[in-house]
C-alpha atoms as a PDB file:
ATOM      1  CA  UNK A   1      22.592 -13.242 -32.727  1.00  0.00           C
ATOM      2  CA  UNK A   2      23.857 -15.051 -35.831  1.00  0.00           C
ATOM      3  CA  UNK A   3      23.463 -18.405 -34.076  1.00  0.00           C
ATOM      4  CA  UNK A   4      19.715 -17.880 -33.729  1.00  0.00           C
ATOM      5  CA  UNK A   5      16.888 -17.685 -36.207  1.00  0.00           C
ATOM      6  CA  UNK A   6      15.174 -14.319 -36.601  1.00  0.00           C
ATOM      7  CA  UNK A   7      13.016 -13.938 -33.479  1.00  0.00           C
ATOM      8  CA  UNK A   8      10.111 -12.427 -35.409  1.00  0.00           C
ATOM      9  CA  UNK A   9       9.934 -15.007 -38.214  1.00  0.00           C
ATOM     10  CA  UNK A  10       8.763 -18.596 -37.886  1.00  0.00           C
ATOM     11  CA  UNK A  11       8.773 -21.178 -40.666  1.00  0.00           C
ATOM     12  CA  UNK A  12       6.766 -24.403 -40.565  1.00  0.00           C
ATOM     13  CA  UNK A  13       6.502 -27.370 -42.915  1.00  0.00           C
ATOM     14  CA  UNK A  14       3.058 -28.902 -42.736  1.00  0.00           C
ATOM     15  CA  UNK A  15       3.000 -32.615 -41.956  1.00  0.00           C
ATOM     16  CA  UNK A  16       0.051 -34.846 -41.137  1.00  0.00           C
ATOM     17  CA  UNK A  17      -2.462 -32.049 -41.460  1.00  0.00           C
ATOM     18  CA  UNK A  18      -4.978 -30.779 -43.987  1.00  0.00           C
ATOM     19  CA  UNK A  19      -7.169 -27.770 -43.292  1.00  0.00           C
ATOM     20  CA  UNK A  20      -7.219 -24.037 -42.680  1.00  0.00           C
ATOM     21  CA  UNK A  21      -3.975 -22.217 -41.926  1.00  0.00           C
ATOM     22  CA  UNK A  22      -5.618 -20.564 -38.918  1.00  0.00           C
ATOM     23  CA  UNK A  23      -6.465 -23.899 -37.315  1.00  0.00           C
ATOM     24  CA  UNK A  24      -2.984 -25.238 -38.032  1.00  0.00           C
ATOM     25  CA  UNK A  25      -1.321 -22.298 -36.277  1.00  0.00           C
ATOM     26  CA  UNK A  26      -3.726 -22.414 -33.350  1.00  0.00           C
ATOM     27  CA  UNK A  27      -3.752 -26.176 -32.841  1.00  0.00           C
ATOM     28  CA  UNK A  28      -0.282 -27.284 -33.865  1.00  0.00           C
ATOM     29  CA  UNK A  29       1.856 -24.251 -33.051  1.00  0.00           C
ATOM     30  CA  UNK A  30       0.138 -22.738 -29.987  1.00  0.00           C
ATOM     31  CA  UNK A  31      -0.550 -19.313 -31.487  1.00  0.00           C
ATOM     32  CA  UNK A  32      -3.116 -17.366 -29.493  1.00  0.00           C
ATOM     33  CA  UNK A  33      -5.998 -15.589 -31.173  1.00  0.00           C
ATOM     34  CA  UNK A  34      -4.575 -12.275 -29.967  1.00  0.00           C
ATOM     35  CA  UNK A  35      -1.205 -12.902 -31.615  1.00  0.00           C
ATOM     36  CA  UNK A  36      -2.807 -14.010 -34.871  1.00  0.00           C
ATOM     37  CA  UNK A  37      -4.851 -10.797 -34.931  1.00  0.00           C
ATOM     38  CA  UNK A  38      -1.659  -8.776 -34.481  1.00  0.00           C
ATOM     39  CA  UNK A  39      -0.051 -10.689 -37.362  1.00  0.00           C
ATOM     40  CA  UNK A  40      -3.100 -10.089 -39.536  1.00  0.00           C
ATOM     41  CA  UNK A  41      -2.928  -6.312 -39.160  1.00  0.00           C
ATOM     42  CA  UNK A  42       0.782  -5.590 -38.598  1.00  0.00           C
ATOM     43  CA  UNK A  43       2.658  -8.710 -39.684  1.00  0.00           C
ATOM     44  CA  UNK A  44       2.482 -11.255 -42.476  1.00  0.00           C
ATOM     45  CA  UNK A  45       1.521 -14.860 -43.093  1.00  0.00           C
ATOM     46  CA  UNK A  46       2.917 -16.610 -46.163  1.00  0.00           C
ATOM     47  CA  UNK A  47       1.983 -19.883 -47.850  1.00  0.00           C
ATOM     48  CA  UNK A  48       4.885 -21.309 -49.869  1.00  0.00           C
ATOM     49  CA  UNK A  49       6.468 -17.864 -49.909  1.00  0.00           C
ATOM     50  CA  UNK A  50       3.389 -15.933 -51.066  1.00  0.00           C
ATOM     51  CA  UNK A  51       1.183 -13.665 -48.919  1.00  0.00           C
ATOM     52  CA  UNK A  52      -2.015 -15.417 -47.955  1.00  0.00           C
ATOM     53  CA  UNK A  53      -4.994 -15.427 -45.570  1.00  0.00           C
ATOM     54  CA  UNK A  54      -5.712 -17.587 -42.547  1.00  0.00           C
ATOM     55  CA  UNK A  55      -8.755 -19.023 -44.310  1.00  0.00           C
ATOM     56  CA  UNK A  56      -6.642 -20.646 -47.021  1.00  0.00           C
ATOM     57  CA  UNK A  57      -6.237 -24.409 -46.966  1.00  0.00           C
ATOM     58  CA  UNK A  58      -2.850 -26.016 -46.397  1.00  0.00           C
ATOM     59  CA  UNK A  59      -1.677 -29.610 -46.549  1.00  0.00           C
ATOM     60  CA  UNK A  60       1.234 -32.029 -46.555  1.00  0.00           C
ATOM     61  CA  UNK A  61       4.526 -30.408 -47.541  1.00  0.00           C
ATOM     62  CA  UNK A  62       3.249 -26.832 -47.614  1.00  0.00           C
ATOM     63  CA  UNK A  63       5.433 -24.166 -46.010  1.00  0.00           C
ATOM     64  CA  UNK A  64       3.810 -21.608 -43.731  1.00  0.00           C
ATOM     65  CA  UNK A  65       5.734 -18.528 -42.643  1.00  0.00           C
ATOM     66  CA  UNK A  66       4.569 -16.220 -39.854  1.00  0.00           C
ATOM     67  CA  UNK A  67       6.208 -12.802 -39.547  1.00  0.00           C
ATOM     68  CA  UNK A  68       5.332 -11.098 -36.264  1.00  0.00           C
ATOM     69  CA  UNK A  69       5.131  -7.339 -35.761  1.00  0.00           C
ATOM     70  CA  UNK A  70       8.404  -6.131 -34.288  1.00  0.00           C
ATOM     71  CA  UNK A  71       8.419  -4.926 -30.697  1.00  0.00           C
ATOM     72  CA  UNK A  72      10.512  -2.354 -28.884  1.00  0.00           C
ATOM     73  CA  UNK A  73      11.810  -2.169 -25.288  1.00  0.00           C
ATOM     74  CA  UNK A  74       9.353  -0.683 -22.809  1.00  0.00           C
ATOM     75  CA  UNK A  75      12.022   0.303 -20.278  1.00  0.00           C
ATOM     76  CA  UNK A  76      15.688   1.208 -20.047  1.00  0.00           C
ATOM     77  CA  UNK A  77      18.854  -0.865 -19.850  1.00  0.00           C
ATOM     78  CA  UNK A  78      20.229  -1.156 -16.320  1.00  0.00           C
ATOM     79  CA  UNK A  79      23.642  -1.562 -14.753  1.00  0.00           C
ATOM     80  CA  UNK A  80      23.386  -4.991 -13.074  1.00  0.00           C
ATOM     81  CA  UNK A  81      24.538  -7.878 -15.313  1.00  0.00           C
ATOM     82  CA  UNK A  82      22.004 -10.605 -16.010  1.00  0.00           C
ATOM     83  CA  UNK A  83      22.626 -14.004 -14.442  1.00  0.00           C
ATOM     84  CA  UNK A  84      21.720 -15.898 -17.594  1.00  0.00           C
ATOM     85  CA  UNK A  85      21.214 -19.667 -17.454  1.00  0.00           C
ATOM     86  CA  UNK A  86      20.008 -20.246 -21.033  1.00  0.00           C
ATOM     87  CA  UNK A  87      19.163 -18.253 -24.138  1.00  0.00           C
ATOM     88  CA  UNK A  88      17.981 -19.021 -27.662  1.00  0.00           C
ATOM     89  CA  UNK A  89      16.005 -17.089 -30.278  1.00  0.00           C
ATOM     90  CA  UNK A  90      12.775 -17.483 -28.324  1.00  0.00           C
ATOM     91  CA  UNK A  91      13.361 -17.772 -24.599  1.00  0.00           C
ATOM     92  CA  UNK A  92      15.690 -16.811 -21.779  1.00  0.00           C
ATOM     93  CA  UNK A  93      16.073 -18.541 -18.435  1.00  0.00           C
ATOM     94  CA  UNK A  94      17.490 -16.217 -15.790  1.00  0.00           C
ATOM     95  CA  UNK A  95      18.525 -16.873 -12.189  1.00  0.00           C
ATOM     96  CA  UNK A  96      17.143 -13.952 -10.181  1.00  0.00           C
ATOM     97  CA  UNK A  97      18.991 -13.006  -7.006  1.00  0.00           C
ATOM     98  CA  UNK A  98      17.006 -12.244  -3.856  1.00  0.00           C
ATOM     99  CA  UNK A  99      15.898  -8.646  -3.236  1.00  0.00           C
ATOM    100  CA  UNK A 100      15.676  -7.847  -6.958  1.00  0.00           C
ATOM    101  CA  UNK A 101      12.336  -6.622  -8.297  1.00  0.00           C
ATOM    102  CA  UNK A 102      11.157  -8.266 -11.496  1.00  0.00           C
ATOM    103  CA  UNK A 103       9.457  -5.117 -12.858  1.00  0.00           C
ATOM    104  CA  UNK A 104      10.107  -1.430 -12.162  1.00  0.00           C
ATOM    105  CA  UNK A 105       7.494  -0.258  -9.677  1.00  0.00           C
ATOM    106  CA  UNK A 106       6.722   3.097  -8.095  1.00  0.00           C
ATOM    107  CA  UNK A 107       9.948   4.932  -7.360  1.00  0.00           C
ATOM    108  CA  UNK A 108      12.075   1.837  -7.994  1.00  0.00           C
ATOM    109  CA  UNK A 109      12.770   2.174 -11.711  1.00  0.00           C
ATOM    110  CA  UNK A 110      16.313   0.793 -11.842  1.00  0.00           C
ATOM    111  CA  UNK A 111      18.192  -2.385 -10.920  1.00  0.00           C
ATOM    112  CA  UNK A 112      15.233  -4.610 -11.700  1.00  0.00           C
ATOM    113  CA  UNK A 113      15.336  -7.841 -13.674  1.00  0.00           C
ATOM    114  CA  UNK A 114      13.758  -6.042 -16.641  1.00  0.00           C
ATOM    115  CA  UNK A 115      16.607  -3.520 -16.648  1.00  0.00           C
ATOM    116  CA  UNK A 116      19.171  -6.328 -16.538  1.00  0.00           C
ATOM    117  CA  UNK A 117      17.566  -8.107 -19.488  1.00  0.00           C
ATOM    118  CA  UNK A 118      17.534  -4.932 -21.553  1.00  0.00           C
ATOM    119  CA  UNK A 119      21.198  -4.378 -20.681  1.00  0.00           C
ATOM    120  CA  UNK A 120      22.001  -7.854 -21.998  1.00  0.00           C
ATOM    121  CA  UNK A 121      19.919  -7.368 -25.144  1.00  0.00           C
ATOM    122  CA  UNK A 122      21.544  -4.009 -25.806  1.00  0.00           C
ATOM    123  CA  UNK A 123      24.976  -5.619 -25.543  1.00  0.00           C
ATOM    124  CA  UNK A 124      24.115  -8.292 -28.130  1.00  0.00           C
ATOM    125  CA  UNK A 125      22.343  -5.875 -30.448  1.00  0.00           C
ATOM    126  CA  UNK A 126      18.814  -7.185 -29.986  1.00  0.00           C
ATOM    127  CA  UNK A 127      15.776  -4.927 -29.710  1.00  0.00           C
ATOM    128  CA  UNK A 128      12.602  -6.458 -28.391  1.00  0.00           C
ATOM    129  CA  UNK A 129      10.197  -6.422 -25.477  1.00  0.00           C
ATOM    130  CA  UNK A 130      10.460  -8.525 -22.351  1.00  0.00           C
ATOM    131  CA  UNK A 131       7.599 -10.995 -21.810  1.00  0.00           C
ATOM    132  CA  UNK A 132       7.664 -12.763 -18.435  1.00  0.00           C
ATOM    133  CA  UNK A 133       6.055 -16.185 -18.528  1.00  0.00           C
ATOM    134  CA  UNK A 134       6.014 -16.330 -14.734  1.00  0.00           C
ATOM    135  CA  UNK A 135       6.746 -13.999 -11.829  1.00  0.00           C
ATOM    136  CA  UNK A 136       8.785 -14.167  -8.647  1.00  0.00           C
ATOM    137  CA  UNK A 137       8.328 -12.021  -5.557  1.00  0.00           C
ATOM    138  CA  UNK A 138      11.140  -9.555  -4.942  1.00  0.00           C
ATOM    139  CA  UNK A 139      12.512 -11.632  -2.052  1.00  0.00           C
ATOM    140  CA  UNK A 140      12.143 -15.001  -3.795  1.00  0.00           C
ATOM    141  CA  UNK A 141      15.239 -16.086  -5.683  1.00  0.00           C
ATOM    142  CA  UNK A 142      15.808 -18.469  -8.557  1.00  0.00           C
ATOM    143  CA  UNK A 143      14.800 -19.449 -12.060  1.00  0.00           C
ATOM    144  CA  UNK A 144      12.410 -17.420 -14.163  1.00  0.00           C
ATOM    145  CA  UNK A 145      11.344 -17.798 -17.803  1.00  0.00           C
ATOM    146  CA  UNK A 146      11.243 -14.894 -20.271  1.00  0.00           C
ATOM    147  CA  UNK A 147       9.793 -14.903 -23.787  1.00  0.00           C
ATOM    148  CA  UNK A 148      11.441 -12.793 -26.489  1.00  0.00           C
ATOM    149  CA  UNK A 149       8.204 -11.968 -28.287  1.00  0.00           C
ATOM    150  CA  UNK A 150       4.427 -12.125 -27.922  1.00  0.00           C
ATOM    151  CA  UNK A 151       4.051 -15.470 -29.690  1.00  0.00           C
ATOM    152  CA  UNK A 152       6.503 -17.254 -27.385  1.00  0.00           C
ATOM    153  CA  UNK A 153       4.866 -15.695 -24.334  1.00  0.00           C
ATOM    154  CA  UNK A 154       1.415 -16.897 -25.348  1.00  0.00           C
ATOM    155  CA  UNK A 155       2.616 -20.359 -26.361  1.00  0.00           C
ATOM    156  CA  UNK A 156       4.394 -20.930 -23.064  1.00  0.00           C
ATOM    157  CA  UNK A 157       1.415 -19.699 -21.058  1.00  0.00           C
ATOM    158  CA  UNK A 158      -0.798 -22.128 -22.981  1.00  0.00           C
ATOM    159  CA  UNK A 159       1.618 -24.936 -22.110  1.00  0.00           C
ATOM    160  CA  UNK A 160       1.544 -23.903 -18.464  1.00  0.00           C
ATOM    161  CA  UNK A 161      -2.263 -24.112 -18.435  1.00  0.00           C
ATOM    162  CA  UNK A 162      -1.972 -27.631 -19.891  1.00  0.00           C
ATOM    163  CA  UNK A 163       0.484 -28.667 -17.182  1.00  0.00           C
ATOM    164  CA  UNK A 164       3.394 -28.965 -19.611  1.00  0.00           C
ATOM    165  CA  UNK A 165       5.662 -26.633 -17.642  1.00  0.00           C
ATOM    166  CA  UNK A 166       6.921 -28.040 -14.359  1.00  0.00           C
ATOM    167  CA  UNK A 167       8.329 -25.805 -11.633  1.00  0.00           C
ATOM    168  CA  UNK A 168       9.841 -26.825  -8.330  1.00  0.00           C
ATOM    169  CA  UNK A 169      10.826 -24.643  -5.414  1.00  0.00           C
ATOM    170  CA  UNK A 170      12.975 -25.264  -2.368  1.00  0.00           C
ATOM    171  CA  UNK A 171      12.009 -23.706   0.962  1.00  0.00           C
ATOM    172  CA  UNK A 172      13.255 -23.712   4.527  1.00  0.00           C
ATOM    173  CA  UNK A 173      10.224 -23.926   6.799  1.00  0.00           C
ATOM    174  CA  UNK A 174       9.551 -23.500  10.483  1.00  0.00           C
ATOM    175  CA  UNK A 175       8.200 -26.761  11.806  1.00  0.00           C
ATOM    176  CA  UNK A 176       7.938 -30.135  10.067  1.00  0.00           C
ATOM    177  CA  UNK A 177       4.938 -31.335   8.023  1.00  0.00           C
ATOM    178  CA  UNK A 178       3.109 -34.291   9.571  1.00  0.00           C
ATOM    179  CA  UNK A 179       3.715 -36.399   6.464  1.00  0.00           C
ATOM    180  CA  UNK A 180       6.992 -36.688   4.575  1.00  0.00           C
ATOM    181  CA  UNK A 181       5.135 -36.129   1.299  1.00  0.00           C
ATOM    182  CA  UNK A 182       1.737 -34.672   0.588  1.00  0.00           C
ATOM    183  CA  UNK A 183      -0.549 -32.490  -1.471  1.00  0.00           C
ATOM    184  CA  UNK A 184      -2.097 -29.242  -0.263  1.00  0.00           C
ATOM    185  CA  UNK A 185      -5.323 -28.652  -2.173  1.00  0.00           C
ATOM    186  CA  UNK A 186      -6.764 -25.429  -0.799  1.00  0.00           C
ATOM    187  CA  UNK A 187      -8.335 -22.580  -2.819  1.00  0.00           C
ATOM    188  CA  UNK A 188      -6.667 -19.215  -2.251  1.00  0.00           C
ATOM    189  CA  UNK A 189      -8.479 -15.886  -2.067  1.00  0.00           C
ATOM    190  CA  UNK A 190      -7.446 -12.295  -1.543  1.00  0.00           C
ATOM    191  CA  UNK A 191      -7.808 -10.771   1.919  1.00  0.00           C
ATOM    192  CA  UNK A 192     -10.081  -7.779   1.393  1.00  0.00           C
ATOM    193  CA  UNK A 193      -8.190  -4.487   1.520  1.00  0.00           C
ATOM    194  CA  UNK A 194      -4.798  -6.182   1.766  1.00  0.00           C
ATOM    195  CA  UNK A 195      -2.007  -7.677  -0.338  1.00  0.00           C
ATOM    196  CA  UNK A 196      -2.364 -10.842   1.729  1.00  0.00           C
ATOM    197  CA  UNK A 197      -3.927 -14.076   0.510  1.00  0.00           C
ATOM    198  CA  UNK A 198      -5.602 -16.800   2.531  1.00  0.00           C
ATOM    199  CA  UNK A 199      -7.267 -20.193   2.040  1.00  0.00           C
ATOM    200  CA  UNK A 200     -10.965 -19.753   1.392  1.00  0.00           C
ATOM    201  CA  UNK A 201     -13.911 -21.496  -0.210  1.00  0.00           C
ATOM    202  CA  UNK A 202     -14.419 -18.587  -2.611  1.00  0.00           C
ATOM    203  CA  UNK A 203     -10.805 -18.612  -3.750  1.00  0.00           C
ATOM    204  CA  UNK A 204      -9.203 -19.956  -6.907  1.00  0.00           C
ATOM    205  CA  UNK A 205      -8.188 -23.608  -7.101  1.00  0.00           C
ATOM    206  CA  UNK A 206      -4.641 -23.957  -5.780  1.00  0.00           C
ATOM    207  CA  UNK A 207      -2.609 -27.161  -5.497  1.00  0.00           C
ATOM    208  CA  UNK A 208       0.888 -27.612  -4.082  1.00  0.00           C
ATOM    209  CA  UNK A 209       2.782 -30.881  -3.721  1.00  0.00           C
ATOM    210  CA  UNK A 210       5.538 -31.052  -1.107  1.00  0.00           C
ATOM    211  CA  UNK A 211       8.318 -33.426  -0.111  1.00  0.00           C
ATOM    212  CA  UNK A 212      10.480 -33.092   2.995  1.00  0.00           C
ATOM    213  CA  UNK A 213      14.161 -33.303   2.018  1.00  0.00           C
ATOM    214  CA  UNK A 214      15.615 -32.946   5.524  1.00  0.00           C
ATOM    215  CA  UNK A 215      14.438 -31.916   8.999  1.00  0.00           C
ATOM    216  CA  UNK A 216      15.620 -31.672  12.587  1.00  0.00           C
ATOM    217  CA  UNK A 217      12.336 -31.589  14.485  1.00  0.00           C
ATOM    218  CA  UNK A 218      12.094 -27.791  14.534  1.00  0.00           C
ATOM    219  CA  UNK A 219      12.808 -26.854  10.933  1.00  0.00           C
ATOM    220  CA  UNK A 220      12.525 -28.566   7.576  1.00  0.00           C
ATOM    221  CA  UNK A 221      13.975 -28.263   4.088  1.00  0.00           C
ATOM    222  CA  UNK A 222      11.088 -28.843   1.687  1.00  0.00           C
ATOM    223  CA  UNK A 223      10.809 -29.346  -2.061  1.00  0.00           C
ATOM    224  CA  UNK A 224       7.582 -27.942  -3.515  1.00  0.00           C
ATOM    225  CA  UNK A 225       5.910 -28.439  -6.881  1.00  0.00           C
ATOM    226  CA  UNK A 226       3.144 -26.011  -7.779  1.00  0.00           C
ATOM    227  CA  UNK A 227       0.381 -27.322 -10.009  1.00  0.00           C
ATOM    228  CA  UNK A 228      -1.264 -23.882 -10.129  1.00  0.00           C
ATOM    229  CA  UNK A 229       0.315 -20.442 -10.116  1.00  0.00           C
ATOM    230  CA  UNK A 230      -1.462 -18.310  -7.532  1.00  0.00           C
ATOM    231  CA  UNK A 231       0.007 -15.244  -5.871  1.00  0.00           C
ATOM    232  CA  UNK A 232       1.912 -16.233  -2.691  1.00  0.00           C
ATOM    233  CA  UNK A 233       0.722 -19.821  -3.194  1.00  0.00           C
ATOM    234  CA  UNK A 234       3.581 -21.652  -1.490  1.00  0.00           C
ATOM    235  CA  UNK A 235       3.735 -19.184   1.387  1.00  0.00           C
ATOM    236  CA  UNK A 236      -0.024 -19.401   2.030  1.00  0.00           C
ATOM    237  CA  UNK A 237      -0.151 -23.179   1.722  1.00  0.00           C
ATOM    238  CA  UNK A 238       2.825 -23.849   3.996  1.00  0.00           C
ATOM    239  CA  UNK A 239       1.381 -21.538   6.647  1.00  0.00           C
ATOM    240  CA  UNK A 240      -1.937 -23.399   6.349  1.00  0.00           C
ATOM    241  CA  UNK A 241      -0.279 -26.664   7.479  1.00  0.00           C
ATOM    242  CA  UNK A 242       1.580 -24.973  10.333  1.00  0.00           C
ATOM    243  CA  UNK A 243       4.958 -24.719   8.574  1.00  0.00           C
ATOM    244  CA  UNK A 244       5.443 -21.123   7.411  1.00  0.00           C
ATOM    245  CA  UNK A 245       8.459 -20.335   5.269  1.00  0.00           C
ATOM    246  CA  UNK A 246      11.396 -19.194   7.393  1.00  0.00           C
ATOM    247  CA  UNK A 247      11.788 -15.405   7.414  1.00  0.00           C
ATOM    248  CA  UNK A 248       8.401 -14.763   5.808  1.00  0.00           C
ATOM    249  CA  UNK A 249       7.296 -11.506   7.391  1.00  0.00           C
ATOM    250  CA  UNK A 250       3.873 -11.633   5.695  1.00  0.00           C
ATOM    251  CA  UNK A 251       2.753 -15.148   6.576  1.00  0.00           C
ATOM    252  CA  UNK A 252       5.121 -16.024   9.384  1.00  0.00           C
ATOM    253  CA  UNK A 253       7.657 -13.881  11.210  1.00  0.00           C
ATOM    254  CA  UNK A 254      11.035 -12.282  10.492  1.00  0.00           C
ATOM    255  CA  UNK A 255      14.106 -14.361  11.273  1.00  0.00           C
ATOM    256  CA  UNK A 256      17.584 -13.471  12.456  1.00  0.00           C
ATOM    257  CA  UNK A 257      18.927 -16.294  10.257  1.00  0.00           C
ATOM    258  CA  UNK A 258      17.829 -14.838   6.923  1.00  0.00           C
ATOM    259  CA  UNK A 259      16.577 -11.436   5.834  1.00  0.00           C
ATOM    260  CA  UNK A 260      13.807 -12.685   3.526  1.00  0.00           C
ATOM    261  CA  UNK A 261      11.477 -15.616   3.006  1.00  0.00           C
ATOM    262  CA  UNK A 262      13.717 -18.653   2.462  1.00  0.00           C
ATOM    263  CA  UNK A 263      12.172 -19.610  -0.879  1.00  0.00           C
ATOM    264  CA  UNK A 264      14.046 -20.450  -4.078  1.00  0.00           C
ATOM    265  CA  UNK A 265      12.831 -21.378  -7.585  1.00  0.00           C
ATOM    266  CA  UNK A 266      15.153 -24.324  -8.122  1.00  0.00           C
ATOM    267  CA  UNK A 267      13.897 -26.234 -11.194  1.00  0.00           C
ATOM    268  CA  UNK A 268      12.037 -25.571 -14.447  1.00  0.00           C
ATOM    269  CA  UNK A 269      11.108 -28.054 -17.176  1.00  0.00           C
ATOM    270  CA  UNK A 270       9.445 -26.872 -20.390  1.00  0.00           C
ATOM    271  CA  UNK A 271       9.029 -27.503 -24.101  1.00  0.00           C
ATOM    272  CA  UNK A 272      10.677 -24.987 -26.421  1.00  0.00           C
ATOM    273  CA  UNK A 273       7.690 -23.556 -28.365  1.00  0.00           C
ATOM    274  CA  UNK A 274       9.280 -23.535 -31.820  1.00  0.00           C
ATOM    275  CA  UNK A 275      11.752 -26.440 -31.831  1.00  0.00           C
ATOM    276  CA  UNK A 276       9.626 -28.577 -29.449  1.00  0.00           C
ATOM    277  CA  UNK A 277      12.803 -29.582 -27.623  1.00  0.00           C
ATOM    278  CA  UNK A 278      12.372 -30.584 -23.979  1.00  0.00           C
ATOM    279  CA  UNK A 279      14.485 -28.377 -21.733  1.00  0.00           C
ATOM    280  CA  UNK A 280      15.331 -28.658 -18.038  1.00  0.00           C
ATOM    281  CA  UNK A 281      17.134 -26.183 -15.817  1.00  0.00           C
ATOM    282  CA  UNK A 282      18.168 -26.194 -12.165  1.00  0.00           C
ATOM    283  CA  UNK A 283      19.638 -23.677  -9.750  1.00  0.00           C
ATOM    284  CA  UNK A 284      21.489 -24.399  -6.485  1.00  0.00           C
ATOM    285  CA  UNK A 285      20.457 -22.782  -3.230  1.00  0.00           C
ATOM    286  CA  UNK A 286      21.776 -19.228  -2.839  1.00  0.00           C
ATOM    287  CA  UNK A 287      24.300 -18.440  -0.141  1.00  0.00           C
ATOM    288  CA  UNK A 288      21.850 -16.892   2.330  1.00  0.00           C
ATOM    289  CA  UNK A 289      19.716 -20.048   2.353  1.00  0.00           C
ATOM    290  CA  UNK A 290      22.784 -22.278   2.731  1.00  0.00           C
ATOM    291  CA  UNK A 291      23.953 -20.176   5.680  1.00  0.00           C
ATOM    292  CA  UNK A 292      20.479 -20.373   7.238  1.00  0.00           C
ATOM    293  CA  UNK A 293      20.547 -24.167   6.946  1.00  0.00           C
ATOM    294  CA  UNK A 294      23.923 -24.219   8.701  1.00  0.00           C
ATOM    295  CA  UNK A 295      22.542 -21.976  11.456  1.00  0.00           C
ATOM    296  CA  UNK A 296      19.589 -24.284  12.155  1.00  0.00           C
ATOM    297  CA  UNK A 297      21.691 -27.439  11.858  1.00  0.00           C
ATOM    298  CA  UNK A 298      20.321 -29.054   8.698  1.00  0.00           C
ATOM    299  CA  UNK A 299      22.663 -30.601   6.162  1.00  0.00           C
ATOM    300  CA  UNK A 300      21.109 -30.014   2.740  1.00  0.00           C
ATOM    301  CA  UNK A 301      23.355 -32.667   1.182  1.00  0.00           C
ATOM    302  CA  UNK A 302      21.508 -35.519   2.900  1.00  0.00           C
END
């Protein structure tokens, strides 16, 4: 942990701004109102090293320090090592294998991604609470972003709402889209009394861009960029154009070539909330998807 700054303390030097500290933290640093309330009651805000209030004025060259309330793990460390792609004081990027739950649920309290993260944090001597910026279905594999505290979580979610986080998925689909590239703009709503979703006029705005990477007339390898983050969005949208994800037993049909939906979170691009560094990460297709491509006769290298 010595290589990282303290994950609950953030220092800023004011530049090109004059006004209230509250507005600076909200507008320039992406603090949410909820986080600033938590800091007000259980943390600290300093101006040039002295305790202060959000209503105070700050200007060029002033130093603002925010000390967040510390957080504690909300679950136990597990036994499965974390497949860690990137880590700094604020965020982790993990590569989730298929069939792993993100959160403990019901009787499944162990061997989840949360448990793996807490195992890693225990090993490096860090105590904190996991904050997922995004989610993946149990049977969807690939990259997922985790915040190390409540500020980072809120800042990254704000960036996602502004379109500053880009995510791409790779899917094997039954059938071939009519166009090589396209945009599916279809609101998605919940099916009453079910976990299923469907396109519907009363649904939430949902937009998916797709590009066919390879196809053989019966199946296609498709790259997908989601511009919104709805539950089951890719699976619903690909079914809606007649190309359900291979092995999707909710929106298509099971497949003897793969035991899950052939969907992988393959690319994430984001801005580090504190350093403002642009970061990009990619993940190759997992073995079960590569074997499925071989079985259907598509060369993913083309």
